[in-house]
C-alpha atoms as a PDB file:
ATOM      1  CA  MET A   1       0.000   0.000   0.000  1.00  0.00           C
ATOM      2  CA  ILE A   2       2.678   2.461   1.040  1.00  0.00           C
ATOM      3  CA  GLU A   3       4.719   1.919  -2.122  1.00  0.00           C
ATOM      4  CA  GLY A   4       1.556   2.184  -4.219  1.00  0.00           C
ATOM      5  CA  GLN A   5       0.691   5.460  -2.517  1.00  0.00           C
ATOM      6  CA  ALA A   6       4.238   6.699  -3.088  1.00  0.00           C
ATOM      7  CA  MET A   7       3.925   5.864  -6.795  1.00  0.00           C
ATOM      8  CA  VAL A   8       0.657   7.824  -7.016  1.00  0.00           C
ATOM      9  CA  VAL A   9       2.322  10.844  -5.384  1.00  0.00           C
ATOM     10  CA  LEU A  10       5.318  10.522  -7.736  1.00  0.00           C
ATOM     11  CA  ILE A  11       3.074  10.404 -10.819  1.00  0.00           C
ATOM     12  CA  ASP A  12       0.962  13.347  -9.645  1.00  0.00           C
ATOM     13  CA  TYR A  13       4.100  15.359  -8.829  1.00  0.00           C
ATOM     14  CA  SER A  14       5.634  14.553 -12.234  1.00  0.00           C
ATOM     15  CA  LEU A  15       2.456  15.495 -14.083  1.00  0.00           C
ATOM     16  CA  ALA A  16       1.681  18.647 -12.056  1.00  0.00           C
ATOM     17  CA  PRO A  17       3.529  21.023 -14.450  1.00  0.00           C
ATOM     18  CA  THR A  18       1.257  19.795 -17.271  1.00  0.00           C
ATOM     19  CA  GLY A  19      -1.898  20.330 -15.223  1.00  0.00           C
ATOM     20  CA  LYS A  20      -2.635  16.601 -15.233  1.00  0.00           C
ATOM     21  CA  SER A  21      -2.741  13.849 -12.599  1.00  0.00           C
ATOM     22  CA  LEU A  22      -3.010  10.084 -12.384  1.00  0.00           C
ATOM     23  CA  ALA A  23      -6.796  10.419 -12.498  1.00  0.00           C
ATOM     24  CA  ASP A  24      -6.735  11.752 -16.072  1.00  0.00           C
ATOM     25  CA  SER A  25      -3.553   9.969 -17.250  1.00  0.00           C
ATOM     26  CA  PRO A  26      -4.084   6.238 -16.573  1.00  0.00           C
ATOM     27  CA  GLN A  27      -1.659   5.327 -19.380  1.00  0.00           C
ATOM     28  CA  MET A  28       1.154   6.456 -17.049  1.00  0.00           C
ATOM     29  CA  VAL A  29       0.366   3.509 -14.774  1.00  0.00           C
ATOM     30  CA  GLU A  30       0.883   0.924 -17.515  1.00  0.00           C
ATOM     31  CA  ALA A  31       4.044   2.615 -18.798  1.00  0.00           C
ATOM     32  CA  LEU A  32       5.626   2.692 -15.332  1.00  0.00           C
ATOM     33  CA  LYS A  33       4.641  -0.898 -14.552  1.00  0.00           C
ATOM     34  CA  ALA A  34       6.070  -2.193 -17.832  1.00  0.00           C
ATOM     35  CA  GLY A  35       9.395  -0.527 -17.098  1.00  0.00           C
ATOM     36  CA  MET A  36       9.615  -1.993 -13.608  1.00  0.00           C
ATOM     37  CA  LEU A  37       9.935  -5.604 -14.803  1.00  0.00           C
ATOM     38  CA  VAL A  38      12.464  -4.735 -17.508  1.00  0.00           C
ATOM     39  CA  GLY A  39      14.795  -2.580 -15.472  1.00  0.00           C
ATOM     40  CA  THR A  40      17.358  -0.282 -17.030  1.00  0.00           C
ATOM     41  CA  ALA A  41      20.167  -1.111 -19.462  1.00  0.00           C
ATOM     42  CA  ASP A  42      22.681  -1.172 -16.612  1.00  0.00           C
ATOM     43  CA  SER A  43      20.599  -3.422 -14.311  1.00  0.00           C
ATOM     44  CA  VAL A  44      22.040  -6.696 -15.636  1.00  0.00           C
ATOM     45  CA  GLN A  45      21.589  -8.582 -12.358  1.00  0.00           C
ATOM     46  CA  PHE A  46      17.914  -7.642 -12.243  1.00  0.00           C
ATOM     47  CA  GLN A  47      17.366  -8.572 -15.893  1.00  0.00           C
ATOM     48  CA  ASN A  48      18.948 -11.996 -15.308  1.00  0.00           C
ATOM     49  CA  ALA A  49      17.155 -12.658 -12.014  1.00  0.00           C
ATOM     50  CA  PRO A  50      14.556 -15.429 -11.748  1.00  0.00           C
ATOM     51  CA  ILE A  51      10.958 -14.370 -12.413  1.00  0.00           C
ATOM     52  CA  TYR A  52       9.978 -14.847  -8.759  1.00  0.00           C
ATOM     53  CA  LEU A  53      12.655 -12.444  -7.520  1.00  0.00           C
ATOM     54  CA  LYS A  54      11.779  -9.787 -10.120  1.00  0.00           C
ATOM     55  CA  GLU A  55       8.091 -10.088  -9.286  1.00  0.00           C
ATOM     56  CA  ALA A  56       8.695 -10.067  -5.525  1.00  0.00           C
ATOM     57  CA  VAL A  57      10.934  -6.989  -5.688  1.00  0.00           C
ATOM     58  CA  THR A  58       8.445  -5.035  -7.808  1.00  0.00           C
ATOM     59  CA  PHE A  59       5.170  -6.400  -6.345  1.00  0.00           C
ATOM     60  CA  ALA A  60       4.560  -3.578  -3.880  1.00  0.00           C
ATOM     61  CA  TYR A  61       5.131  -0.957  -6.573  1.00  0.00           C
ATOM     62  CA  ARG A  62       3.365  -2.560  -9.560  1.00  0.00           C
ATOM     63  CA  TYR A  63       0.354  -4.085  -7.837  1.00  0.00           C
ATOM     64  CA  GLY A  64       0.354  -1.383  -5.161  1.00  0.00           C
ATOM     65  CA  LEU A  65       0.051   1.262  -7.872  1.00  0.00           C
ATOM     66  CA  ASP A  66      -2.848  -0.579  -9.527  1.00  0.00           C
ATOM     67  CA  PHE A  67      -4.511  -1.035  -6.142  1.00  0.00           C
ATOM     68  CA  GLU A  68      -4.208   2.636  -5.235  1.00  0.00           C
ATOM     69  CA  ALA A  69      -5.290   3.803  -8.709  1.00  0.00           C
ATOM     70  CA  GLU A  70      -8.437   1.667  -8.456  1.00  0.00           C
ATOM     71  CA  LEU A  71      -9.230   2.979  -4.970  1.00  0.00           C
ATOM     72  CA  LEU A  72      -8.685   6.555  -6.150  1.00  0.00           C
ATOM     73  CA  SER A  73     -11.103   6.062  -9.032  1.00  0.00           C
ATOM     74  CA  LYS A  74     -13.752   4.362  -6.861  1.00  0.00           C
ATOM     75  CA  GLY A  75     -13.497   6.300  -3.608  1.00  0.00           C
ATOM     76  CA  GLY A  76     -11.165   9.246  -3.984  1.00  0.00           C
ATOM     77  CA  LYS A  77      -8.141  10.169  -1.891  1.00  0.00           C
ATOM     78  CA  ALA A  78      -9.851   9.474   1.434  1.00  0.00           C
ATOM     79  CA  LYS A  79     -10.360   5.814   0.526  1.00  0.00           C
ATOM     80  CA  ALA A  80      -6.998   5.389  -1.238  1.00  0.00           C
ATOM     81  CA  PHE A  81      -4.854   6.979   1.454  1.00  0.00           C
ATOM     82  CA  ALA A  82      -6.243   7.150   5.014  1.00  0.00           C
ATOM     83  CA  GLY A  83      -8.931   4.550   4.283  1.00  0.00           C
ATOM     84  CA  VAL A  84      -6.533   1.691   3.604  1.00  0.00           C
ATOM     85  CA  PHE A  85      -4.792   2.229   6.936  1.00  0.00           C
ATOM     86  CA  SER A  86      -8.036   1.947   8.890  1.00  0.00           C
ATOM     87  CA  ASN A  87      -9.111  -1.043   6.765  1.00  0.00           C
ATOM     88  CA  PRO A  88      -5.980  -2.650   5.269  1.00  0.00           C
ATOM     89  CA  PRO A  89      -6.110  -5.360   2.606  1.00  0.00           C
ATOM     90  CA  ARG A  90      -6.051  -8.861   4.089  1.00  0.00           C
ATOM     91  CA  SER A  91      -4.085 -10.691   1.398  1.00  0.00           C
ATOM     92  CA  THR A  92      -2.098 -10.383  -1.818  1.00  0.00           C
ATOM     93  CA  ARG A  93      -5.360 -11.319  -3.561  1.00  0.00           C
ATOM     94  CA  GLN A  94      -6.994  -8.088  -2.402  1.00  0.00           C
ATOM     95  CA  ILE A  95      -4.045  -6.045  -3.659  1.00  0.00           C
ATOM     96  CA  MET A  96      -3.800  -7.902  -6.977  1.00  0.00           C
ATOM     97  CA  GLU A  97      -7.567  -7.706  -7.460  1.00  0.00           C
ATOM     98  CA  PRO A  98      -8.738  -4.443  -5.885  1.00  0.00           C
ATOM     99  CA  GLN A  99     -12.411  -5.263  -6.558  1.00  0.00           C
ATOM    100  CA  THR A 100     -12.133  -8.078  -3.971  1.00  0.00           C
ATOM    101  CA  TYR A 101     -10.969  -5.481  -1.432  1.00  0.00           C
ATOM    102  CA  LEU A 102     -13.657  -2.979  -2.407  1.00  0.00           C
ATOM    103  CA  SER A 103     -16.388  -5.626  -2.140  1.00  0.00           C
ATOM    104  CA  GLY A 104     -15.106  -6.733   1.281  1.00  0.00           C
ATOM    105  CA  GLU A 105     -14.514 -10.292   0.082  1.00  0.00           C
ATOM    106  CA  ARG A 106     -13.647 -12.696   2.883  1.00  0.00           C
ATOM    107  CA  ILE A 107     -12.361 -16.114   1.875  1.00  0.00           C
ATOM    108  CA  ALA A 108     -13.005 -18.779   4.497  1.00  0.00           C
ATOM    109  CA  PRO A 109      -9.824 -20.224   5.986  1.00  0.00           C
ATOM    110  CA  MET A 110      -8.808 -23.615   4.672  1.00  0.00           C
ATOM    111  CA  ARG A 111      -9.344 -26.607   6.912  1.00  0.00           C
ATOM    112  CA  LEU A 112      -5.994 -28.026   7.996  1.00  0.00           C
ATOM    113  CA  PRO A 113      -5.343 -31.661   8.807  1.00  0.00           C
ATOM    114  CA  ASP A 114      -4.209 -32.736  12.246  1.00  0.00           C
ATOM    115  CA  PHE A 115      -0.523 -32.641  11.336  1.00  0.00           C
ATOM    116  CA  ALA A 116       0.650 -34.095  14.667  1.00  0.00           C
ATOM    117  CA  HIS A 117      -1.586 -37.137  14.151  1.00  0.00           C
ATOM    118  CA  ASP A 118      -1.699 -37.558  10.372  1.00  0.00           C
ATOM    119  CA  PHE A 119       2.043 -37.041   9.945  1.00  0.00           C
ATOM    120  CA  LYS A 120       3.222 -38.582  13.206  1.00  0.00           C
ATOM    121  CA  ASN A 121       6.054 -40.413  11.429  1.00  0.00           C
ATOM    122  CA  TYR A 122       7.511 -37.136  10.140  1.00  0.00           C
ATOM    123  CA  ASP A 123       9.427 -34.221  11.621  1.00  0.00           C
ATOM    124  CA  ARG A 124       8.064 -30.908  10.442  1.00  0.00           C
ATOM    125  CA  PHE A 125      10.549 -28.828   8.478  1.00  0.00           C
ATOM    126  CA  ASP A 126       8.277 -25.924   7.485  1.00  0.00           C
ATOM    127  CA  ILE A 127       4.654 -24.938   6.999  1.00  0.00           C
ATOM    128  CA  GLY A 128       3.183 -21.837   5.406  1.00  0.00           C
ATOM    129  CA  ALA A 129       0.664 -20.180   3.155  1.00  0.00           C
ATOM    130  CA  ILE A 130       0.827 -20.105  -0.627  1.00  0.00           C
ATOM    131  CA  GLY A 131      -0.947 -16.944  -1.730  1.00  0.00           C
ATOM    132  CA  GLU A 132      -2.370 -15.662  -4.983  1.00  0.00           C
ATOM    133  CA  PHE A 133       0.913 -13.911  -5.755  1.00  0.00           C
ATOM    134  CA  ASP A 134       2.821 -17.181  -5.364  1.00  0.00           C
ATOM    135  CA  VAL A 135       0.542 -19.110  -7.721  1.00  0.00           C
ATOM    136  CA  ALA A 136       0.533 -16.226 -10.228  1.00  0.00           C
ATOM    137  CA  VAL A 137       4.329 -16.347 -10.461  1.00  0.00           C
ATOM    138  CA  LEU A 138       4.424 -20.144 -10.607  1.00  0.00           C
ATOM    139  CA  ILE A 139       1.914 -20.173 -13.480  1.00  0.00           C
ATOM    140  CA  ASP A 140       3.809 -17.369 -15.242  1.00  0.00           C
ATOM    141  CA  GLN A 141       7.076 -19.311 -14.908  1.00  0.00           C
ATOM    142  CA  TYR A 142       5.743 -22.589 -16.312  1.00  0.00           C
ATOM    143  CA  ALA A 143       2.767 -21.666 -18.524  1.00  0.00           C
ATOM    144  CA  GLY A 144       3.283 -18.013 -19.441  1.00  0.00           C
ATOM    145  CA  VAL A 145       1.933 -14.649 -18.367  1.00  0.00           C
ATOM    146  CA  ASP A 146      -1.343 -14.939 -20.321  1.00  0.00           C
ATOM    147  CA  MET A 147      -2.263 -18.210 -18.613  1.00  0.00           C
ATOM    148  CA  SER A 148      -1.247 -16.717 -15.272  1.00  0.00           C
ATOM    149  CA  LYS A 149      -3.504 -13.671 -15.698  1.00  0.00           C
ATOM    150  CA  ARG A 150      -6.386 -15.916 -16.736  1.00  0.00           C
ATOM    151  CA  LEU A 151      -5.983 -18.499 -13.971  1.00  0.00           C
ATOM    152  CA  TYR A 152      -4.684 -16.841 -10.788  1.00  0.00           C
ATOM    153  CA  PRO A 153      -7.909 -14.900 -10.069  1.00  0.00           C
ATOM    154  CA  HIS A 154      -9.585 -18.275  -9.464  1.00  0.00           C
ATOM    155  CA  TRP A 155      -7.264 -19.080  -6.515  1.00  0.00           C
ATOM    156  CA  ARG A 156      -9.092 -19.329  -3.190  1.00  0.00           C
ATOM    157  CA  GLY A 157      -6.433 -20.475  -0.726  1.00  0.00           C
ATOM    158  CA  GLY A 158      -3.382 -22.649  -0.295  1.00  0.00           C
ATOM    159  CA  TYR A 159      -0.756 -23.973   2.072  1.00  0.00           C
ATOM    160  CA  TYR A 160       2.246 -26.278   2.124  1.00  0.00           C
ATOM    161  CA  TYR A 161       3.698 -28.644   4.705  1.00  0.00           C
ATOM    162  CA  ALA A 162       7.283 -29.871   4.349  1.00  0.00           C
ATOM    163  CA  ALA A 163       8.610 -32.720   6.480  1.00  0.00           C
ATOM    164  CA  ARG A 164      11.247 -35.449   6.740  1.00  0.00           C
ATOM    165  CA  PRO A 165      10.879 -38.996   8.049  1.00  0.00           C
ATOM    166  CA  LYS A 166      11.274 -38.885  11.838  1.00  0.00           C
ATOM    167  CA  GLY A 167      14.838 -39.071  13.046  1.00  0.00           C
ATOM    168  CA  ASP A 168      16.442 -38.873   9.590  1.00  0.00           C
ATOM    169  CA  ALA A 169      17.789 -35.349   9.089  1.00  0.00           C
ATOM    170  CA  SER A 170      19.513 -36.387   5.853  1.00  0.00           C
ATOM    171  CA  ALA A 171      16.342 -37.741   4.220  1.00  0.00           C
ATOM    172  CA  ALA A 172      14.784 -35.915   1.302  1.00  0.00           C
ATOM    173  CA  LEU A 173      12.003 -33.515   2.184  1.00  0.00           C
ATOM    174  CA  ALA A 174       8.441 -34.582   1.508  1.00  0.00           C
ATOM    175  CA  LEU A 175       6.029 -31.833   0.465  1.00  0.00           C
ATOM    176  CA  LEU A 176       2.282 -31.637   0.870  1.00  0.00           C
ATOM    177  CA  TYR A 177       0.747 -28.805  -1.142  1.00  0.00           C
ATOM    178  CA  VAL A 178      -2.979 -28.073  -0.967  1.00  0.00           C
ATOM    179  CA  SER A 179      -4.802 -25.352  -2.881  1.00  0.00           C
ATOM    180  CA  ARG A 180      -8.434 -24.353  -3.327  1.00  0.00           C
ATOM    181  CA  TRP A 181      -9.889 -22.923  -6.529  1.00  0.00           C
ATOM    182  CA  SER A 182     -13.147 -21.326  -7.653  1.00  0.00           C
ATOM    183  CA  ASN A 183     -14.216 -24.547  -9.392  1.00  0.00           C
ATOM    184  CA  GLY A 184     -12.992 -27.989 -10.374  1.00  0.00           C
ATOM    185  CA  GLU A 185     -12.055 -26.968 -13.903  1.00  0.00           C
ATOM    186  CA  LYS A 186      -9.697 -24.238 -12.678  1.00  0.00           C
ATOM    187  CA  ALA A 187      -8.261 -26.564 -10.032  1.00  0.00           C
ATOM    188  CA  GLU A 188      -7.513 -29.088 -12.777  1.00  0.00           C
ATOM    189  CA  GLU A 189      -5.880 -26.434 -14.969  1.00  0.00           C
ATOM    190  CA  PHE A 190      -3.635 -25.407 -12.099  1.00  0.00           C
ATOM    191  CA  ALA A 191      -2.866 -29.054 -11.256  1.00  0.00           C
ATOM    192  CA  ASP A 192      -1.653 -29.530 -14.842  1.00  0.00           C
ATOM    193  CA  VAL A 193       0.622 -26.481 -14.615  1.00  0.00           C
ATOM    194  CA  TYR A 194       1.911 -27.579 -11.203  1.00  0.00           C
ATOM    195  CA  ALA A 195       2.582 -31.140 -12.384  1.00  0.00           C
ATOM    196  CA  ASN A 196       4.439 -29.766 -15.411  1.00  0.00           C
ATOM    197  CA  SER A 197       6.561 -27.557 -13.142  1.00  0.00           C
ATOM    198  CA  LEU A 198       7.694 -30.624 -11.191  1.00  0.00           C
ATOM    199  CA  MET A 199       8.928 -32.292 -14.380  1.00  0.00           C
ATOM    200  CA  ARG A 200      11.340 -29.441 -15.190  1.00  0.00           C
END
């Protein structure tokens, strides 16, 4: 949010001498966002970085700018600036899809298994959430940006659990990954992309 707000202020400041602002120059948003993923001619390390790192580094600016621009257009400065601090977005989904924030969407938490019982023969290594941003980048990496933009909005939750057989610190990690989607068809599409990613 903060980086998105900073980008709005930067754009408005840059356009002030022309008498324009972000509100009447939305093309500025797309131009700035496009440049963020490319970097400059002298940013070789950034250009050669994995997609996930480039996306993670620019997420707050690119998606934050879109988020703030949408809030500005729907509710003005009060909603886009002070409003988001009194009612912050709850997930990357709400930032990536501002309409889910504006509508007050609440996705029910996913039901977790009883890890201590169901995985009693394993030592937990790590557990965590896999958010909409994570699946968007994974799909982009293995199926392309168009497929990612079409599929990630159907994400509805996800987590992973990594563990090793009890008492064997040198054993390979086992991974349980669970995700929820808007419908079975989208879940199957993602499962295909995910399975393909494991083959590479």
